[in-house]
Amino acid sequence: MITTLSATQMVGTFQFTTTELTGPASTKTVTQGVFDIPVSGTGGVVSATGNQGNSLTGNVGGTFVASSALATVAGGTPVLTIVGNNGVRTVSISLGNMTGPGTYTLSATAPSRTINVGGAPSIPLAAWMSELTGGSGSVIITSVTGTRIMGTFTATLISVPASGAIGNLAVSGTFNMGR
């Protein structure tokens, strides 16, 4: 429930019950959830300023807008990891040895650079991977600053056998992530 909504802030509470997707049927209940989100922008578009706000949008078996997204850069040999989820699908981008702006071709060999998608309507365990034979694509990092990483991605992902995924999956989109 949204309790405060202004041009600069959205505050509210939430609760929900979730059902386990695998194993014996069981439910978990989350209560007393709270959110307090700074808001800026116009026309329903939240602008990402500084290291605030993340977006991952595009076409992933249909229009994809991540309700949450996360970017991390870690390790001695930097690995950029971006994860976005829209409640049905999860998109994961991993770029080994990401050193700055440029085009990074997807590869299963070192440095590993992959895009994976999990979930589909009515098939929550479906999975597609770029690193399987026949997968291809690239990630273009257009900007890296102390507070943001921005870029685009395009790939053909291969269905993981026995996951319930059917056929190849073409994906493309953009990301604008705080760091």
N, C-alpha and C. Protein backbone atom coordinates (compact mmCIF):
# COMPACT_ATOMS: atom_id res chain seq x y z
N MET A 1 0.85 -1.16 0.00
CA MET A 1 0.00 0.00 0.00
C MET A 1 0.90 1.23 0.00
N ILE A 2 0.67 2.14 -0.93
CA ILE A 2 1.42 3.39 -0.98
C ILE A 2 0.77 4.35 0.00
N THR A 3 1.57 4.83 0.96
CA THR A 3 1.05 5.75 1.97
C THR A 3 1.42 7.20 1.69
N THR A 4 2.52 7.41 0.96
CA THR A 4 2.94 8.76 0.57
C THR A 4 3.42 8.71 -0.86
N LEU A 5 2.92 9.62 -1.69
CA LEU A 5 3.37 9.73 -3.06
C LEU A 5 3.45 11.20 -3.41
N SER A 6 4.67 11.65 -3.68
CA SER A 6 4.88 13.04 -4.05
C SER A 6 5.80 13.09 -5.26
N ALA A 7 6.13 14.28 -5.70
CA ALA A 7 7.04 14.44 -6.84
C ALA A 7 8.44 13.98 -6.50
N THR A 8 8.75 13.80 -5.21
CA THR A 8 10.11 13.44 -4.81
C THR A 8 10.23 12.15 -4.01
N GLN A 9 9.09 11.55 -3.62
CA GLN A 9 9.20 10.38 -2.74
C GLN A 9 7.97 9.48 -2.87
N MET A 10 8.22 8.15 -2.74
CA MET A 10 7.14 7.17 -2.66
C MET A 10 7.42 6.29 -1.44
N VAL A 11 6.46 6.23 -0.53
CA VAL A 11 6.61 5.49 0.72
C VAL A 11 5.41 4.56 0.86
N GLY A 12 5.66 3.37 1.40
CA GLY A 12 4.55 2.47 1.62
C GLY A 12 4.94 1.21 2.34
N THR A 13 3.99 0.30 2.43
CA THR A 13 4.20 -0.98 3.09
C THR A 13 3.70 -2.09 2.16
N PHE A 14 4.13 -3.31 2.44
CA PHE A 14 3.67 -4.44 1.64
C PHE A 14 3.69 -5.72 2.45
N GLN A 15 2.91 -6.68 1.97
CA GLN A 15 2.92 -8.04 2.49
C GLN A 15 2.44 -8.95 1.38
N PHE A 16 2.88 -10.19 1.40
CA PHE A 16 2.45 -11.14 0.39
C PHE A 16 2.71 -12.56 0.86
N THR A 17 2.05 -13.50 0.19
CA THR A 17 2.25 -14.92 0.43
C THR A 17 2.75 -15.53 -0.87
N THR A 18 3.80 -16.33 -0.78
CA THR A 18 4.39 -16.95 -1.96
C THR A 18 4.31 -18.47 -1.83
N THR A 19 4.23 -19.13 -2.96
CA THR A 19 4.16 -20.59 -3.01
C THR A 19 5.45 -21.14 -3.59
N GLU A 20 6.01 -22.17 -2.98
CA GLU A 20 7.23 -22.79 -3.48
C GLU A 20 7.00 -23.35 -4.87
N LEU A 21 7.97 -23.10 -5.79
CA LEU A 21 7.83 -23.55 -7.17
C LEU A 21 8.23 -25.01 -7.36
N THR A 22 9.14 -25.51 -6.52
CA THR A 22 9.58 -26.89 -6.64
C THR A 22 9.44 -27.57 -5.29
N GLY A 23 9.44 -28.87 -5.29
CA GLY A 23 9.35 -29.61 -4.04
C GLY A 23 7.92 -29.66 -3.53
N PRO A 24 7.77 -30.04 -2.27
CA PRO A 24 6.43 -30.16 -1.71
C PRO A 24 5.75 -28.78 -1.63
N ALA A 25 4.45 -28.78 -1.85
CA ALA A 25 3.70 -27.53 -1.81
C ALA A 25 3.78 -26.91 -0.42
N SER A 26 4.24 -25.68 -0.37
CA SER A 26 4.28 -24.95 0.89
C SER A 26 4.21 -23.46 0.56
N THR A 27 3.86 -22.68 1.55
CA THR A 27 3.79 -21.23 1.35
C THR A 27 4.61 -20.53 2.41
N LYS A 28 5.05 -19.34 2.08
CA LYS A 28 5.74 -18.46 3.02
C LYS A 28 5.02 -17.12 2.98
N THR A 29 4.89 -16.49 4.11
CA THR A 29 4.24 -15.19 4.19
C THR A 29 5.25 -14.14 4.62
N VAL A 30 5.29 -13.06 3.87
CA VAL A 30 6.14 -11.92 4.20
C VAL A 30 5.21 -10.83 4.73
N THR A 31 5.53 -10.30 5.90
CA THR A 31 4.72 -9.24 6.50
C THR A 31 5.61 -8.08 6.91
N GLN A 32 5.02 -6.96 7.15
CA GLN A 32 5.69 -5.76 7.65
C GLN A 32 6.77 -5.24 6.71
N GLY A 33 6.62 -5.45 5.39
CA GLY A 33 7.55 -4.90 4.42
C GLY A 33 7.36 -3.40 4.29
N VAL A 34 8.47 -2.68 4.11
CA VAL A 34 8.44 -1.22 4.02
C VAL A 34 9.31 -0.78 2.87
N PHE A 35 8.88 0.24 2.12
CA PHE A 35 9.73 0.85 1.10
C PHE A 35 9.65 2.36 1.21
N ASP A 36 10.76 3.02 0.89
CA ASP A 36 10.88 4.49 0.90
C ASP A 36 11.83 4.83 -0.23
N ILE A 37 11.28 5.26 -1.37
CA ILE A 37 12.05 5.41 -2.60
C ILE A 37 12.06 6.86 -3.04
N PRO A 38 13.27 7.45 -3.25
CA PRO A 38 13.32 8.80 -3.81
C PRO A 38 12.89 8.75 -5.28
N VAL A 39 12.12 9.75 -5.72
CA VAL A 39 11.59 9.79 -7.08
C VAL A 39 11.96 11.12 -7.72
N SER A 40 12.34 11.06 -9.00
CA SER A 40 12.54 12.29 -9.79
C SER A 40 12.13 11.99 -11.21
N GLY A 41 11.90 13.00 -12.01
CA GLY A 41 11.53 12.80 -13.40
C GLY A 41 10.13 13.28 -13.68
N THR A 42 9.68 13.07 -14.91
CA THR A 42 8.34 13.49 -15.32
C THR A 42 7.71 12.40 -16.16
N GLY A 43 6.42 12.50 -16.34
CA GLY A 43 5.72 11.59 -17.23
C GLY A 43 5.81 10.13 -16.84
N GLY A 44 5.99 9.84 -15.57
CA GLY A 44 6.05 8.46 -15.13
C GLY A 44 7.40 7.81 -15.34
N VAL A 45 8.38 8.56 -15.81
CA VAL A 45 9.72 8.01 -16.02
C VAL A 45 10.61 8.47 -14.88
N VAL A 46 11.21 7.53 -14.19
CA VAL A 46 12.12 7.86 -13.11
C VAL A 46 13.49 8.09 -13.70
N SER A 47 14.08 9.24 -13.43
CA SER A 47 15.42 9.50 -13.96
C SER A 47 16.45 8.95 -13.00
N ALA A 48 17.47 8.34 -13.55
CA ALA A 48 18.53 7.77 -12.75
C ALA A 48 19.63 8.82 -12.62
N THR A 49 19.85 9.30 -11.41
CA THR A 49 20.87 10.32 -11.19
C THR A 49 21.89 9.79 -10.20
N GLY A 50 23.13 10.24 -10.33
CA GLY A 50 24.18 9.75 -9.45
C GLY A 50 24.21 8.25 -9.50
N ASN A 51 24.25 7.63 -8.34
CA ASN A 51 24.21 6.16 -8.31
C ASN A 51 22.82 5.66 -7.94
N GLN A 52 21.82 6.54 -8.01
CA GLN A 52 20.45 6.18 -7.65
C GLN A 52 19.70 5.66 -8.87
N GLY A 53 18.91 4.64 -8.70
CA GLY A 53 18.05 4.13 -9.75
C GLY A 53 18.75 3.20 -10.70
N ASN A 54 18.05 2.18 -11.12
CA ASN A 54 18.56 1.20 -12.07
C ASN A 54 17.45 0.87 -13.06
N SER A 55 17.83 0.62 -14.30
CA SER A 55 16.83 0.16 -15.26
C SER A 55 17.46 -0.88 -16.18
N LEU A 56 16.67 -1.87 -16.52
CA LEU A 56 17.03 -2.88 -17.50
C LEU A 56 15.75 -3.13 -18.29
N THR A 57 15.74 -2.72 -19.55
CA THR A 57 14.54 -2.84 -20.37
C THR A 57 14.90 -3.43 -21.73
N GLY A 58 13.92 -3.95 -22.42
CA GLY A 58 14.17 -4.46 -23.76
C GLY A 58 13.15 -5.48 -24.19
N ASN A 59 13.60 -6.41 -25.03
CA ASN A 59 12.76 -7.47 -25.55
C ASN A 59 13.37 -8.80 -25.13
N VAL A 60 12.66 -9.51 -24.29
CA VAL A 60 13.10 -10.82 -23.80
C VAL A 60 11.89 -11.75 -23.91
N GLY A 61 11.63 -12.25 -25.12
CA GLY A 61 10.42 -13.02 -25.34
C GLY A 61 9.19 -12.15 -25.19
N GLY A 62 9.29 -10.89 -25.52
CA GLY A 62 8.26 -9.87 -25.33
C GLY A 62 8.86 -8.72 -24.57
N THR A 63 8.10 -7.67 -24.38
CA THR A 63 8.60 -6.49 -23.68
C THR A 63 9.04 -6.86 -22.27
N PHE A 64 10.22 -6.37 -21.89
CA PHE A 64 10.78 -6.67 -20.57
C PHE A 64 11.16 -5.36 -19.90
N VAL A 65 10.61 -5.12 -18.74
CA VAL A 65 11.01 -3.99 -17.90
C VAL A 65 11.26 -4.57 -16.52
N ALA A 66 12.50 -4.44 -16.04
CA ALA A 66 12.85 -5.02 -14.75
C ALA A 66 12.26 -4.18 -13.63
N SER A 67 11.59 -4.84 -12.71
CA SER A 67 11.08 -4.15 -11.53
C SER A 67 12.21 -3.91 -10.54
N SER A 68 13.27 -4.68 -10.66
CA SER A 68 14.45 -4.46 -9.85
C SER A 68 15.65 -4.88 -10.66
N ALA A 69 16.74 -4.22 -10.43
CA ALA A 69 17.96 -4.55 -11.16
C ALA A 69 19.14 -4.24 -10.26
N LEU A 70 20.23 -4.94 -10.48
CA LEU A 70 21.40 -4.80 -9.63
C LEU A 70 22.64 -4.92 -10.49
N ALA A 71 23.62 -4.08 -10.24
CA ALA A 71 24.90 -4.17 -10.94
C ALA A 71 26.01 -4.23 -9.91
N THR A 72 26.98 -5.12 -10.13
CA THR A 72 28.16 -5.18 -9.27
C THR A 72 29.39 -5.34 -10.14
N VAL A 73 30.48 -4.77 -9.68
CA VAL A 73 31.79 -4.98 -10.31
C VAL A 73 32.69 -5.45 -9.19
N ALA A 74 33.27 -6.64 -9.35
CA ALA A 74 34.05 -7.20 -8.25
C ALA A 74 35.26 -7.95 -8.76
N GLY A 75 36.20 -8.15 -7.87
CA GLY A 75 37.35 -9.01 -8.13
C GLY A 75 38.55 -8.28 -8.69
N GLY A 76 39.72 -8.97 -8.63
CA GLY A 76 40.96 -8.43 -9.19
C GLY A 76 40.86 -8.27 -10.68
N THR A 77 40.25 -9.25 -11.35
CA THR A 77 39.90 -9.13 -12.76
C THR A 77 38.43 -8.78 -12.76
N PRO A 78 38.08 -7.53 -13.08
CA PRO A 78 36.70 -7.09 -12.87
C PRO A 78 35.68 -7.93 -13.63
N VAL A 79 34.60 -8.27 -12.92
CA VAL A 79 33.46 -8.95 -13.51
C VAL A 79 32.24 -8.07 -13.25
N LEU A 80 31.62 -7.61 -14.33
CA LEU A 80 30.38 -6.84 -14.21
C LEU A 80 29.23 -7.83 -14.22
N THR A 81 28.37 -7.76 -13.21
CA THR A 81 27.20 -8.61 -13.13
C THR A 81 25.97 -7.72 -13.03
N ILE A 82 25.02 -7.93 -13.94
CA ILE A 82 23.76 -7.19 -13.94
C ILE A 82 22.63 -8.21 -13.88
N VAL A 83 21.70 -8.02 -12.96
CA VAL A 83 20.56 -8.92 -12.83
C VAL A 83 19.29 -8.08 -12.77
N GLY A 84 18.32 -8.42 -13.61
CA GLY A 84 17.03 -7.75 -13.59
C GLY A 84 15.92 -8.77 -13.56
N ASN A 85 14.84 -8.45 -12.85
CA ASN A 85 13.72 -9.38 -12.71
C ASN A 85 12.42 -8.61 -12.85
N ASN A 86 11.47 -9.18 -13.59
CA ASN A 86 10.16 -8.52 -13.73
C ASN A 86 9.03 -9.34 -13.11
N GLY A 87 9.37 -10.30 -12.28
CA GLY A 87 8.36 -11.14 -11.64
C GLY A 87 8.05 -12.41 -12.41
N VAL A 88 8.41 -12.47 -13.69
CA VAL A 88 8.22 -13.67 -14.50
C VAL A 88 9.56 -14.18 -15.00
N ARG A 89 10.39 -13.27 -15.48
CA ARG A 89 11.70 -13.64 -16.04
C ARG A 89 12.81 -12.93 -15.26
N THR A 90 13.96 -13.59 -15.23
CA THR A 90 15.17 -12.98 -14.69
C THR A 90 16.21 -12.95 -15.81
N VAL A 91 16.81 -11.79 -16.03
CA VAL A 91 17.89 -11.64 -17.00
C VAL A 91 19.18 -11.43 -16.22
N SER A 92 20.21 -12.23 -16.52
CA SER A 92 21.51 -12.10 -15.88
C SER A 92 22.57 -11.88 -16.95
N ILE A 93 23.33 -10.81 -16.78
CA ILE A 93 24.43 -10.50 -17.69
C ILE A 93 25.71 -10.53 -16.87
N SER A 94 26.71 -11.26 -17.34
CA SER A 94 27.99 -11.35 -16.65
C SER A 94 29.11 -11.11 -17.65
N LEU A 95 29.94 -10.12 -17.38
CA LEU A 95 31.04 -9.78 -18.28
C LEU A 95 32.37 -9.87 -17.55
N GLY A 96 33.11 -10.96 -17.79
CA GLY A 96 34.44 -11.09 -17.22
C GLY A 96 35.39 -10.09 -17.85
N ASN A 97 36.28 -9.54 -17.05
CA ASN A 97 37.30 -8.59 -17.49
C ASN A 97 36.69 -7.37 -18.17
N MET A 98 35.61 -6.84 -17.59
CA MET A 98 35.01 -5.61 -18.09
C MET A 98 35.86 -4.45 -17.59
N THR A 99 36.55 -3.79 -18.51
CA THR A 99 37.50 -2.76 -18.13
C THR A 99 37.05 -1.35 -18.49
N GLY A 100 35.91 -1.21 -19.15
CA GLY A 100 35.43 0.12 -19.52
C GLY A 100 34.56 0.04 -20.75
N PRO A 101 34.24 1.21 -21.34
CA PRO A 101 33.41 1.22 -22.53
C PRO A 101 34.00 0.36 -23.65
N GLY A 102 33.12 -0.28 -24.41
CA GLY A 102 33.55 -1.11 -25.53
C GLY A 102 32.55 -2.20 -25.82
N THR A 103 32.84 -3.00 -26.83
CA THR A 103 31.99 -4.12 -27.22
C THR A 103 32.58 -5.40 -26.65
N TYR A 104 31.76 -6.15 -25.93
CA TYR A 104 32.17 -7.39 -25.30
C TYR A 104 31.38 -8.54 -25.94
N THR A 105 32.06 -9.36 -26.73
CA THR A 105 31.43 -10.50 -27.39
C THR A 105 31.18 -11.61 -26.37
N LEU A 106 29.99 -12.19 -26.39
CA LEU A 106 29.67 -13.27 -25.46
C LEU A 106 30.52 -14.49 -25.74
N SER A 107 30.98 -15.16 -24.66
CA SER A 107 31.87 -16.30 -24.79
C SER A 107 31.79 -17.15 -23.54
N ALA A 108 31.85 -18.46 -23.72
CA ALA A 108 31.88 -19.38 -22.58
C ALA A 108 33.31 -19.60 -22.10
N THR A 109 34.31 -19.18 -22.89
CA THR A 109 35.71 -19.36 -22.51
C THR A 109 36.22 -18.09 -21.83
N ALA A 110 37.33 -18.21 -21.13
CA ALA A 110 37.88 -17.09 -20.38
C ALA A 110 38.28 -15.94 -21.30
N PRO A 111 37.95 -14.72 -20.93
CA PRO A 111 37.08 -14.35 -19.81
C PRO A 111 35.62 -14.62 -20.16
N SER A 112 34.93 -15.29 -19.27
CA SER A 112 33.54 -15.66 -19.50
C SER A 112 32.66 -14.42 -19.59
N ARG A 113 31.85 -14.36 -20.65
CA ARG A 113 30.91 -13.25 -20.86
C ARG A 113 29.60 -13.87 -21.33
N THR A 114 28.56 -13.78 -20.50
CA THR A 114 27.34 -14.53 -20.76
C THR A 114 26.08 -13.69 -20.51
N ILE A 115 25.00 -14.12 -21.14
CA ILE A 115 23.65 -13.64 -20.83
C ILE A 115 22.79 -14.88 -20.63
N ASN A 116 22.06 -14.91 -19.53
CA ASN A 116 21.16 -16.02 -19.22
C ASN A 116 19.79 -15.47 -18.89
N VAL A 117 18.76 -16.22 -19.23
CA VAL A 117 17.38 -15.86 -18.90
C VAL A 117 16.74 -17.05 -18.22
N GLY A 118 16.05 -16.80 -17.12
CA GLY A 118 15.31 -17.83 -16.42
C GLY A 118 13.86 -17.43 -16.30
N GLY A 119 12.98 -18.40 -16.45
CA GLY A 119 11.55 -18.17 -16.27
C GLY A 119 10.85 -17.78 -17.55
N ALA A 120 9.59 -18.16 -17.63
CA ALA A 120 8.71 -17.81 -18.74
C ALA A 120 7.29 -17.92 -18.23
N PRO A 121 6.34 -17.24 -18.87
CA PRO A 121 4.95 -17.39 -18.42
C PRO A 121 4.55 -18.87 -18.39
N SER A 122 4.05 -19.32 -17.27
CA SER A 122 3.59 -20.70 -17.05
C SER A 122 4.72 -21.73 -17.03
N ILE A 123 5.99 -21.30 -17.18
CA ILE A 123 7.12 -22.24 -17.13
C ILE A 123 8.22 -21.58 -16.27
N PRO A 124 8.05 -21.53 -14.95
CA PRO A 124 8.98 -20.79 -14.11
C PRO A 124 10.41 -21.32 -14.10
N LEU A 125 10.62 -22.59 -14.46
CA LEU A 125 11.97 -23.15 -14.43
C LEU A 125 12.65 -23.14 -15.80
N ALA A 126 11.99 -22.60 -16.81
CA ALA A 126 12.58 -22.51 -18.15
C ALA A 126 13.87 -21.70 -18.09
N ALA A 127 14.87 -22.10 -18.89
CA ALA A 127 16.15 -21.39 -18.88
C ALA A 127 16.77 -21.39 -20.27
N TRP A 128 17.42 -20.27 -20.59
CA TRP A 128 18.15 -20.10 -21.84
C TRP A 128 19.51 -19.52 -21.51
N MET A 129 20.55 -19.95 -22.27
CA MET A 129 21.92 -19.52 -21.97
C MET A 129 22.67 -19.19 -23.26
N SER A 130 23.50 -18.16 -23.20
CA SER A 130 24.32 -17.81 -24.36
C SER A 130 25.51 -18.74 -24.51
N GLU A 131 25.95 -19.36 -23.41
CA GLU A 131 27.17 -20.16 -23.47
C GLU A 131 26.97 -21.57 -24.02
N LEU A 132 25.74 -21.96 -24.30
CA LEU A 132 25.50 -23.25 -24.94
C LEU A 132 25.82 -23.16 -26.43
N THR A 133 26.15 -24.29 -27.04
CA THR A 133 26.50 -24.33 -28.47
C THR A 133 25.41 -23.67 -29.29
N GLY A 134 25.79 -22.70 -30.11
CA GLY A 134 24.86 -21.96 -30.95
C GLY A 134 24.47 -20.61 -30.39
N GLY A 135 24.78 -20.37 -29.11
CA GLY A 135 24.48 -19.07 -28.50
C GLY A 135 25.45 -18.01 -29.01
N SER A 136 24.99 -16.78 -29.11
CA SER A 136 25.85 -15.71 -29.60
C SER A 136 25.30 -14.37 -29.14
N GLY A 137 26.13 -13.34 -29.29
CA GLY A 137 25.68 -11.99 -28.98
C GLY A 137 26.79 -11.13 -28.44
N SER A 138 26.41 -9.94 -27.98
CA SER A 138 27.39 -9.02 -27.43
C SER A 138 26.72 -8.04 -26.47
N VAL A 139 27.55 -7.44 -25.65
CA VAL A 139 27.14 -6.37 -24.75
C VAL A 139 28.01 -5.18 -25.09
N ILE A 140 27.40 -4.03 -25.31
CA ILE A 140 28.15 -2.81 -25.58
C ILE A 140 28.03 -1.91 -24.36
N ILE A 141 29.16 -1.66 -23.71
CA ILE A 141 29.20 -0.72 -22.60
C ILE A 141 29.43 0.66 -23.22
N THR A 142 28.46 1.55 -23.07
CA THR A 142 28.56 2.87 -23.69
C THR A 142 29.15 3.91 -22.76
N SER A 143 29.02 3.70 -21.44
CA SER A 143 29.53 4.68 -20.49
C SER A 143 29.80 4.01 -19.15
N VAL A 144 30.94 4.34 -18.56
CA VAL A 144 31.28 3.91 -17.21
C VAL A 144 31.78 5.13 -16.46
N THR A 145 31.10 5.48 -15.37
CA THR A 145 31.55 6.58 -14.52
C THR A 145 31.68 6.05 -13.10
N GLY A 146 32.05 6.90 -12.19
CA GLY A 146 32.15 6.50 -10.79
C GLY A 146 30.81 6.13 -10.19
N THR A 147 29.71 6.56 -10.82
CA THR A 147 28.39 6.29 -10.25
C THR A 147 27.45 5.50 -11.15
N ARG A 148 27.77 5.33 -12.45
CA ARG A 148 26.83 4.68 -13.37
C ARG A 148 27.55 3.82 -14.39
N ILE A 149 26.85 2.77 -14.85
CA ILE A 149 27.29 1.94 -15.98
C ILE A 149 26.09 1.84 -16.92
N MET A 150 26.30 2.18 -18.21
CA MET A 150 25.21 2.16 -19.18
C MET A 150 25.63 1.37 -20.40
N GLY A 151 24.65 0.75 -21.06
CA GLY A 151 24.97 0.01 -22.27
C GLY A 151 23.77 -0.67 -22.88
N THR A 152 24.07 -1.50 -23.88
CA THR A 152 23.05 -2.25 -24.61
C THR A 152 23.47 -3.71 -24.70
N PHE A 153 22.51 -4.58 -24.99
CA PHE A 153 22.83 -6.00 -25.19
C PHE A 153 21.94 -6.58 -26.27
N THR A 154 22.47 -7.58 -26.95
CA THR A 154 21.70 -8.34 -27.94
C THR A 154 22.29 -9.75 -27.99
N ALA A 155 21.43 -10.75 -28.06
CA ALA A 155 21.93 -12.13 -28.06
C ALA A 155 20.87 -13.10 -28.55
N THR A 156 21.34 -14.24 -29.01
CA THR A 156 20.50 -15.40 -29.26
C THR A 156 20.87 -16.44 -28.21
N LEU A 157 19.90 -16.80 -27.38
CA LEU A 157 20.14 -17.74 -26.29
C LEU A 157 19.56 -19.10 -26.65
N ILE A 158 20.22 -20.14 -26.18
CA ILE A 158 19.83 -21.52 -26.47
C ILE A 158 19.10 -22.10 -25.26
N SER A 159 18.02 -22.83 -25.52
CA SER A 159 17.24 -23.41 -24.43
C SER A 159 18.05 -24.49 -23.71
N VAL A 160 17.95 -24.49 -22.40
CA VAL A 160 18.62 -25.49 -21.57
C VAL A 160 17.78 -26.77 -21.60
N PRO A 161 18.39 -27.90 -22.00
CA PRO A 161 17.63 -29.15 -22.06
C PRO A 161 16.97 -29.48 -20.71
N ALA A 162 15.78 -30.00 -20.77
CA ALA A 162 15.00 -30.46 -19.61
C ALA A 162 14.57 -29.33 -18.68
N SER A 163 14.70 -28.06 -19.10
CA SER A 163 14.26 -26.95 -18.25
C SER A 163 12.83 -26.54 -18.56
N GLY A 164 12.28 -27.06 -19.64
CA GLY A 164 10.95 -26.65 -20.07
C GLY A 164 10.98 -25.55 -21.11
N ALA A 165 12.16 -24.97 -21.33
CA ALA A 165 12.31 -23.92 -22.35
C ALA A 165 12.19 -24.54 -23.73
N ILE A 166 11.54 -23.82 -24.63
CA ILE A 166 11.33 -24.32 -25.99
C ILE A 166 11.97 -23.36 -26.98
N GLY A 167 12.88 -23.87 -27.79
CA GLY A 167 13.48 -23.07 -28.86
C GLY A 167 14.46 -22.02 -28.37
N ASN A 168 15.06 -21.34 -29.33
CA ASN A 168 15.99 -20.26 -29.02
C ASN A 168 15.22 -19.03 -28.56
N LEU A 169 15.91 -18.12 -27.88
CA LEU A 169 15.30 -16.90 -27.38
C LEU A 169 16.16 -15.72 -27.81
N ALA A 170 15.59 -14.82 -28.60
CA ALA A 170 16.29 -13.60 -29.00
C ALA A 170 16.03 -12.54 -27.93
N VAL A 171 17.11 -11.91 -27.45
CA VAL A 171 16.99 -10.88 -26.43
C VAL A 171 17.75 -9.64 -26.88
N SER A 172 17.26 -8.48 -26.47
CA SER A 172 17.96 -7.23 -26.74
C SER A 172 17.44 -6.19 -25.76
N GLY A 173 18.26 -5.20 -25.48
CA GLY A 173 17.80 -4.17 -24.56
C GLY A 173 18.88 -3.22 -24.15
N THR A 174 18.54 -2.43 -23.13
CA THR A 174 19.45 -1.42 -22.60
C THR A 174 19.48 -1.52 -21.08
N PHE A 175 20.55 -1.01 -20.49
CA PHE A 175 20.64 -0.92 -19.05
C PHE A 175 21.29 0.39 -18.66
N ASN A 176 20.90 0.89 -17.49
CA ASN A 176 21.43 2.12 -16.92
C ASN A 176 21.46 1.89 -15.42
N MET A 177 22.63 1.57 -14.90
CA MET A 177 22.75 1.04 -13.54
C MET A 177 23.60 1.94 -12.65
N GLY A 178 23.11 2.17 -11.43
CA GLY A 178 23.93 2.82 -10.41
C GLY A 178 24.94 1.83 -9.88
N ARG A 179 26.08 2.35 -9.40
CA ARG A 179 27.09 1.44 -8.85
C ARG A 179 27.64 1.95 -7.55
